[in-house]
Amino acid sequence: MKWIVERFRYLPMVAILGMLISALAATYLGVIKTFHLVELLWINSKEAEPILYTLFEALDSFLIATALIVIATALYELFIGVLDVPDWMLVKDLTELKAKFTFVIIPVMAVKFVQKILKFENSIDVLYYGIAISLVAIALTFFNFISIKEKEAKDIEKQHDDGSETRAADLKKNKE
């Protein structure tokens, strides 16, 4: 049973590979949108609205690709092994991974909001959309703040730990 559980730590490789493939697809989509942007600039440089909208579409694709790479890297670090990446991409636990995800998803939502403003179909819809995005961003930030505070409290508790809670391996050693 132990062997099976130890091998299951590699199961996130499926998710990691999926995210990396999706990051490639999002990057490709961003490049296509960038070429479309250049085409719009060449043909229709007088009208800013379609150009700005296409610019934000490309930005959105690149942000999503970056988010997928960061999360895939973090999952690999958590479950598989050490990578040679910049410190800002490293995570030590799931709380840090959730924090990274939060700080990546909020700019994506902001880009979507700007796109909604550029389309400007109905002012009340834009208002509701902006309120919804703001509430989600506030909730994500709040939950991230709470998670960080809980982690800090656990770290302080570990510093003052008297060793009363132990792992199964520690209990086995104590019996011997």
C-alpha atoms as a PDB file:
ATOM      1  CA  MET A   1       0.000   0.000   0.000  1.00  0.00           C
ATOM      2  CA  LYS A   2       2.831   2.379   0.859  1.00  0.00           C
ATOM      3  CA  TRP A   3       4.370   1.852  -2.578  1.00  0.00           C
ATOM      4  CA  ILE A   4       1.077   2.777  -4.280  1.00  0.00           C
ATOM      5  CA  VAL A   5       0.597   5.935  -2.226  1.00  0.00           C
ATOM      6  CA  GLU A   6       4.191   7.026  -2.866  1.00  0.00           C
ATOM      7  CA  ARG A   7       3.748   6.552  -6.625  1.00  0.00           C
ATOM      8  CA  PHE A   8       0.482   8.500  -6.669  1.00  0.00           C
ATOM      9  CA  ARG A   9       2.407  11.671  -5.932  1.00  0.00           C
ATOM     10  CA  TYR A  10       3.235  11.627  -9.662  1.00  0.00           C
ATOM     11  CA  LEU A  11      -0.446  11.798 -10.614  1.00  0.00           C
ATOM     12  CA  PRO A  12      -0.353  15.628 -10.802  1.00  0.00           C
ATOM     13  CA  MET A  13       1.968  15.177 -13.808  1.00  0.00           C
ATOM     14  CA  VAL A  14      -1.206  14.738 -15.867  1.00  0.00           C
ATOM     15  CA  ALA A  15      -2.438  18.158 -14.726  1.00  0.00           C
ATOM     16  CA  ILE A  16       1.020  19.689 -15.172  1.00  0.00           C
ATOM     17  CA  LEU A  17       1.323  18.419 -18.745  1.00  0.00           C
ATOM     18  CA  GLY A  18      -2.211  19.589 -19.488  1.00  0.00           C
ATOM     19  CA  MET A  19      -1.417  23.064 -18.176  1.00  0.00           C
ATOM     20  CA  LEU A  20       1.814  23.283 -20.167  1.00  0.00           C
ATOM     21  CA  ILE A  21       0.035  22.227 -23.365  1.00  0.00           C
ATOM     22  CA  SER A  22      -2.708  24.760 -22.603  1.00  0.00           C
ATOM     23  CA  ALA A  23      -0.039  27.428 -22.012  1.00  0.00           C
ATOM     24  CA  LEU A  24       1.403  26.678 -25.452  1.00  0.00           C
ATOM     25  CA  ALA A  25      -2.074  26.941 -26.973  1.00  0.00           C
ATOM     26  CA  ALA A  26      -2.790  30.233 -25.162  1.00  0.00           C
ATOM     27  CA  THR A  27       0.565  31.644 -26.279  1.00  0.00           C
ATOM     28  CA  TYR A  28      -0.153  30.601 -29.863  1.00  0.00           C
ATOM     29  CA  LEU A  29      -3.571  32.258 -29.621  1.00  0.00           C
ATOM     30  CA  GLY A  30      -1.929  35.416 -28.244  1.00  0.00           C
ATOM     31  CA  VAL A  31       0.518  35.488 -31.157  1.00  0.00           C
ATOM     32  CA  ILE A  32      -2.346  35.081 -33.652  1.00  0.00           C
ATOM     33  CA  LYS A  33      -4.230  37.936 -31.947  1.00  0.00           C
ATOM     34  CA  THR A  34      -1.076  40.072 -32.048  1.00  0.00           C
ATOM     35  CA  PHE A  35      -0.766  39.497 -35.796  1.00  0.00           C
ATOM     36  CA  HIS A  36      -4.440  40.424 -36.118  1.00  0.00           C
ATOM     37  CA  LEU A  37      -3.685  43.591 -34.115  1.00  0.00           C
ATOM     38  CA  VAL A  38      -0.875  44.543 -36.495  1.00  0.00           C
ATOM     39  CA  GLU A  39      -3.216  43.880 -39.412  1.00  0.00           C
ATOM     40  CA  LEU A  40      -5.869  46.156 -37.856  1.00  0.00           C
ATOM     41  CA  LEU A  41      -3.277  48.876 -37.312  1.00  0.00           C
ATOM     42  CA  TRP A  42      -2.165  48.641 -40.930  1.00  0.00           C
ATOM     43  CA  ILE A  43      -5.650  48.654 -42.422  1.00  0.00           C
ATOM     44  CA  ASN A  44      -7.700  50.716 -39.990  1.00  0.00           C
ATOM     45  CA  SER A  45      -5.414  52.938 -37.916  1.00  0.00           C
ATOM     46  CA  LYS A  46      -8.049  55.668 -37.475  1.00  0.00           C
ATOM     47  CA  GLU A  47     -10.454  53.653 -35.291  1.00  0.00           C
ATOM     48  CA  ALA A  48      -9.020  52.916 -31.847  1.00  0.00           C
ATOM     49  CA  GLU A  49     -11.829  50.732 -30.463  1.00  0.00           C
ATOM     50  CA  PRO A  50     -11.255  47.507 -32.455  1.00  0.00           C
ATOM     51  CA  ILE A  51      -7.510  47.933 -32.082  1.00  0.00           C
ATOM     52  CA  LEU A  52      -7.702  48.321 -28.294  1.00  0.00           C
ATOM     53  CA  TYR A  53     -10.115  45.412 -27.980  1.00  0.00           C
ATOM     54  CA  THR A  54      -7.790  43.143 -29.980  1.00  0.00           C
ATOM     55  CA  LEU A  55      -4.821  44.370 -27.938  1.00  0.00           C
ATOM     56  CA  PHE A  56      -6.603  43.361 -24.722  1.00  0.00           C
ATOM     57  CA  GLU A  57      -7.546  39.994 -26.233  1.00  0.00           C
ATOM     58  CA  ALA A  58      -3.862  39.310 -26.939  1.00  0.00           C
ATOM     59  CA  LEU A  59      -2.905  40.484 -23.442  1.00  0.00           C
ATOM     60  CA  ASP A  60      -5.527  38.181 -21.960  1.00  0.00           C
ATOM     61  CA  SER A  61      -4.131  35.178 -23.835  1.00  0.00           C
ATOM     62  CA  PHE A  62      -0.582  35.914 -22.711  1.00  0.00           C
ATOM     63  CA  LEU A  63      -1.683  36.414 -19.079  1.00  0.00           C
ATOM     64  CA  ILE A  64      -3.497  33.090 -19.088  1.00  0.00           C
ATOM     65  CA  ALA A  65      -0.463  31.356 -20.618  1.00  0.00           C
ATOM     66  CA  THR A  66       1.771  32.852 -17.930  1.00  0.00           C
ATOM     67  CA  ALA A  67      -0.638  31.822 -15.173  1.00  0.00           C
ATOM     68  CA  LEU A  68      -0.711  28.251 -16.460  1.00  0.00           C
ATOM     69  CA  ILE A  69       3.091  28.090 -16.529  1.00  0.00           C
ATOM     70  CA  VAL A  70       3.395  29.473 -12.987  1.00  0.00           C
ATOM     71  CA  ILE A  71       0.810  27.039 -11.621  1.00  0.00           C
ATOM     72  CA  ALA A  72       2.314  24.063 -13.486  1.00  0.00           C
ATOM     73  CA  THR A  73       5.753  24.951 -12.111  1.00  0.00           C
ATOM     74  CA  ALA A  74       4.374  25.285  -8.594  1.00  0.00           C
ATOM     75  CA  LEU A  75       2.564  21.930  -8.792  1.00  0.00           C
ATOM     76  CA  TYR A  76       5.740  20.251 -10.029  1.00  0.00           C
ATOM     77  CA  GLU A  77       7.709  21.770  -7.146  1.00  0.00           C
ATOM     78  CA  LEU A  78       5.095  20.637  -4.615  1.00  0.00           C
ATOM     79  CA  PHE A  79       4.605  17.059  -5.767  1.00  0.00           C
ATOM     80  CA  ILE A  80       7.500  15.931  -7.957  1.00  0.00           C
ATOM     81  CA  GLY A  81      10.807  17.663  -7.288  1.00  0.00           C
ATOM     82  CA  VAL A  82      12.992  20.744  -7.359  1.00  0.00           C
ATOM     83  CA  LEU A  83      13.252  22.954 -10.450  1.00  0.00           C
ATOM     84  CA  ASP A  84      15.779  25.633 -11.348  1.00  0.00           C
ATOM     85  CA  VAL A  85      13.360  28.572 -11.569  1.00  0.00           C
ATOM     86  CA  PRO A  86      13.269  32.123 -10.175  1.00  0.00           C
ATOM     87  CA  ASP A  87      12.352  32.405  -6.504  1.00  0.00           C
ATOM     88  CA  TRP A  88       9.029  34.137  -7.238  1.00  0.00           C
ATOM     89  CA  MET A  89       7.813  30.953  -8.979  1.00  0.00           C
ATOM     90  CA  LEU A  90       8.555  28.700  -6.004  1.00  0.00           C
ATOM     91  CA  VAL A  91       5.907  27.567  -3.536  1.00  0.00           C
ATOM     92  CA  LYS A  92       6.296  25.678  -0.281  1.00  0.00           C
ATOM     93  CA  ASP A  93       2.695  24.594   0.221  1.00  0.00           C
ATOM     94  CA  LEU A  94      -0.816  24.764  -1.194  1.00  0.00           C
ATOM     95  CA  THR A  95      -1.498  28.073   0.571  1.00  0.00           C
ATOM     96  CA  GLU A  96       1.249  29.744  -1.430  1.00  0.00           C
ATOM     97  CA  LEU A  97      -0.044  28.097  -4.617  1.00  0.00           C
ATOM     98  CA  LYS A  98      -3.531  29.481  -3.954  1.00  0.00           C
ATOM     99  CA  ALA A  99      -2.001  32.913  -3.350  1.00  0.00           C
ATOM    100  CA  LYS A 100      -0.147  32.792  -6.668  1.00  0.00           C
ATOM    101  CA  PHE A 101      -3.341  31.740  -8.427  1.00  0.00           C
ATOM    102  CA  THR A 102      -5.229  34.613  -6.789  1.00  0.00           C
ATOM    103  CA  PHE A 103      -2.696  37.188  -7.880  1.00  0.00           C
ATOM    104  CA  VAL A 104      -2.788  35.860 -11.442  1.00  0.00           C
ATOM    105  CA  ILE A 105      -6.555  35.582 -11.822  1.00  0.00           C
ATOM    106  CA  ILE A 106      -7.283  39.157 -10.685  1.00  0.00           C
ATOM    107  CA  PRO A 107      -5.392  40.796 -13.614  1.00  0.00           C
ATOM    108  CA  VAL A 108      -7.152  38.427 -16.031  1.00  0.00           C
ATOM    109  CA  MET A 109     -10.498  39.573 -14.639  1.00  0.00           C
ATOM    110  CA  ALA A 110      -9.379  43.206 -14.965  1.00  0.00           C
ATOM    111  CA  VAL A 111      -8.536  42.659 -18.633  1.00  0.00           C
ATOM    112  CA  LYS A 112     -11.956  41.073 -19.194  1.00  0.00           C
ATOM    113  CA  PHE A 113     -13.571  44.109 -17.563  1.00  0.00           C
ATOM    114  CA  VAL A 114     -11.688  46.518 -19.823  1.00  0.00           C
ATOM    115  CA  GLN A 115     -12.809  44.449 -22.812  1.00  0.00           C
ATOM    116  CA  LYS A 116     -16.405  44.733 -21.591  1.00  0.00           C
ATOM    117  CA  ILE A 117     -15.994  48.526 -21.317  1.00  0.00           C
ATOM    118  CA  LEU A 118     -14.601  48.697 -24.852  1.00  0.00           C
ATOM    119  CA  LYS A 119     -17.600  46.780 -26.210  1.00  0.00           C
ATOM    120  CA  PHE A 120     -19.966  48.979 -24.164  1.00  0.00           C
ATOM    121  CA  GLU A 121     -23.246  47.363 -25.035  1.00  0.00           C
ATOM    122  CA  ASN A 122     -25.281  48.564 -22.064  1.00  0.00           C
ATOM    123  CA  SER A 123     -24.113  50.754 -19.196  1.00  0.00           C
ATOM    124  CA  ILE A 124     -26.052  48.831 -16.526  1.00  0.00           C
ATOM    125  CA  ASP A 125     -24.517  45.545 -17.739  1.00  0.00           C
ATOM    126  CA  VAL A 126     -21.035  47.070 -17.524  1.00  0.00           C
ATOM    127  CA  LEU A 127     -21.813  48.297 -14.011  1.00  0.00           C
ATOM    128  CA  TYR A 128     -23.045  44.876 -12.875  1.00  0.00           C
ATOM    129  CA  TYR A 129     -20.074  43.186 -14.517  1.00  0.00           C
ATOM    130  CA  GLY A 130     -17.672  45.578 -12.773  1.00  0.00           C
ATOM    131  CA  ILE A 131     -19.364  45.037  -9.418  1.00  0.00           C
ATOM    132  CA  ALA A 132     -19.232  41.262  -9.863  1.00  0.00           C
ATOM    133  CA  ILE A 133     -15.541  41.323 -10.775  1.00  0.00           C
ATOM    134  CA  SER A 134     -14.795  43.640  -7.842  1.00  0.00           C
ATOM    135  CA  LEU A 135     -16.603  41.352  -5.402  1.00  0.00           C
ATOM    136  CA  VAL A 136     -14.762  38.290  -6.680  1.00  0.00           C
ATOM    137  CA  ALA A 137     -11.407  40.122  -6.497  1.00  0.00           C
ATOM    138  CA  ILE A 138     -12.157  41.302  -2.956  1.00  0.00           C
ATOM    139  CA  ALA A 139     -13.230  37.801  -1.905  1.00  0.00           C
ATOM    140  CA  LEU A 140     -10.103  36.218  -3.406  1.00  0.00           C
ATOM    141  CA  THR A 141      -7.882  38.787  -1.720  1.00  0.00           C
ATOM    142  CA  PHE A 142      -9.682  38.320   1.599  1.00  0.00           C
ATOM    143  CA  PHE A 143      -9.403  34.516   1.492  1.00  0.00           C
ATOM    144  CA  ASN A 144      -5.750  34.833   0.518  1.00  0.00           C
ATOM    145  CA  PHE A 145      -5.173  37.183   3.471  1.00  0.00           C
ATOM    146  CA  ILE A 146      -6.909  34.740   5.847  1.00  0.00           C
ATOM    147  CA  SER A 147      -4.856  31.821   4.475  1.00  0.00           C
ATOM    148  CA  ILE A 148      -1.622  33.723   4.992  1.00  0.00           C
ATOM    149  CA  LYS A 149      -2.595  34.648   8.565  1.00  0.00           C
ATOM    150  CA  GLU A 150      -3.501  31.011   9.333  1.00  0.00           C
ATOM    151  CA  LYS A 151      -0.161  29.873   7.916  1.00  0.00           C
ATOM    152  CA  GLU A 152       1.694  32.439  10.014  1.00  0.00           C
ATOM    153  CA  ALA A 153      -0.184  31.263  13.123  1.00  0.00           C
ATOM    154  CA  LYS A 154       0.742  27.630  12.356  1.00  0.00           C
ATOM    155  CA  ASP A 155       4.383  28.614  11.854  1.00  0.00           C
ATOM    156  CA  ILE A 156       4.401  30.347  15.252  1.00  0.00           C
ATOM    157  CA  GLU A 157       2.728  27.299  16.784  1.00  0.00           C
ATOM    158  CA  LYS A 158       5.413  25.036  15.283  1.00  0.00           C
ATOM    159  CA  GLN A 159       8.114  27.186  16.872  1.00  0.00           C
ATOM    160  CA  HIS A 160       6.530  26.577  20.275  1.00  0.00           C
ATOM    161  CA  ASP A 161       5.696  22.917  19.601  1.00  0.00           C
ATOM    162  CA  ASP A 162       6.486  20.584  22.466  1.00  0.00           C
ATOM    163  CA  GLY A 163       6.488  17.531  20.210  1.00  0.00           C
ATOM    164  CA  SER A 164       3.178  16.168  21.501  1.00  0.00           C
ATOM    165  CA  GLU A 165       1.879  15.582  17.946  1.00  0.00           C
ATOM    166  CA  THR A 166       3.941  13.188  15.895  1.00  0.00           C
ATOM    167  CA  ARG A 167       3.804  11.321  12.625  1.00  0.00           C
ATOM    168  CA  ALA A 168       3.272   7.568  12.453  1.00  0.00           C
ATOM    169  CA  ALA A 169       6.983   7.070  11.729  1.00  0.00           C
ATOM    170  CA  ASP A 170       7.889   8.965  14.906  1.00  0.00           C
ATOM    171  CA  LEU A 171       5.563   6.802  16.976  1.00  0.00           C
ATOM    172  CA  LYS A 172       7.179   3.679  15.534  1.00  0.00           C
ATOM    173  CA  LYS A 173      10.651   4.949  16.489  1.00  0.00           C
ATOM    174  CA  ASN A 174       9.516   5.712  20.046  1.00  0.00           C
ATOM    175  CA  LYS A 175       8.294   2.111  20.532  1.00  0.00           C
ATOM    176  CA  GLU A 176      11.684   0.702  19.579  1.00  0.00           C
END
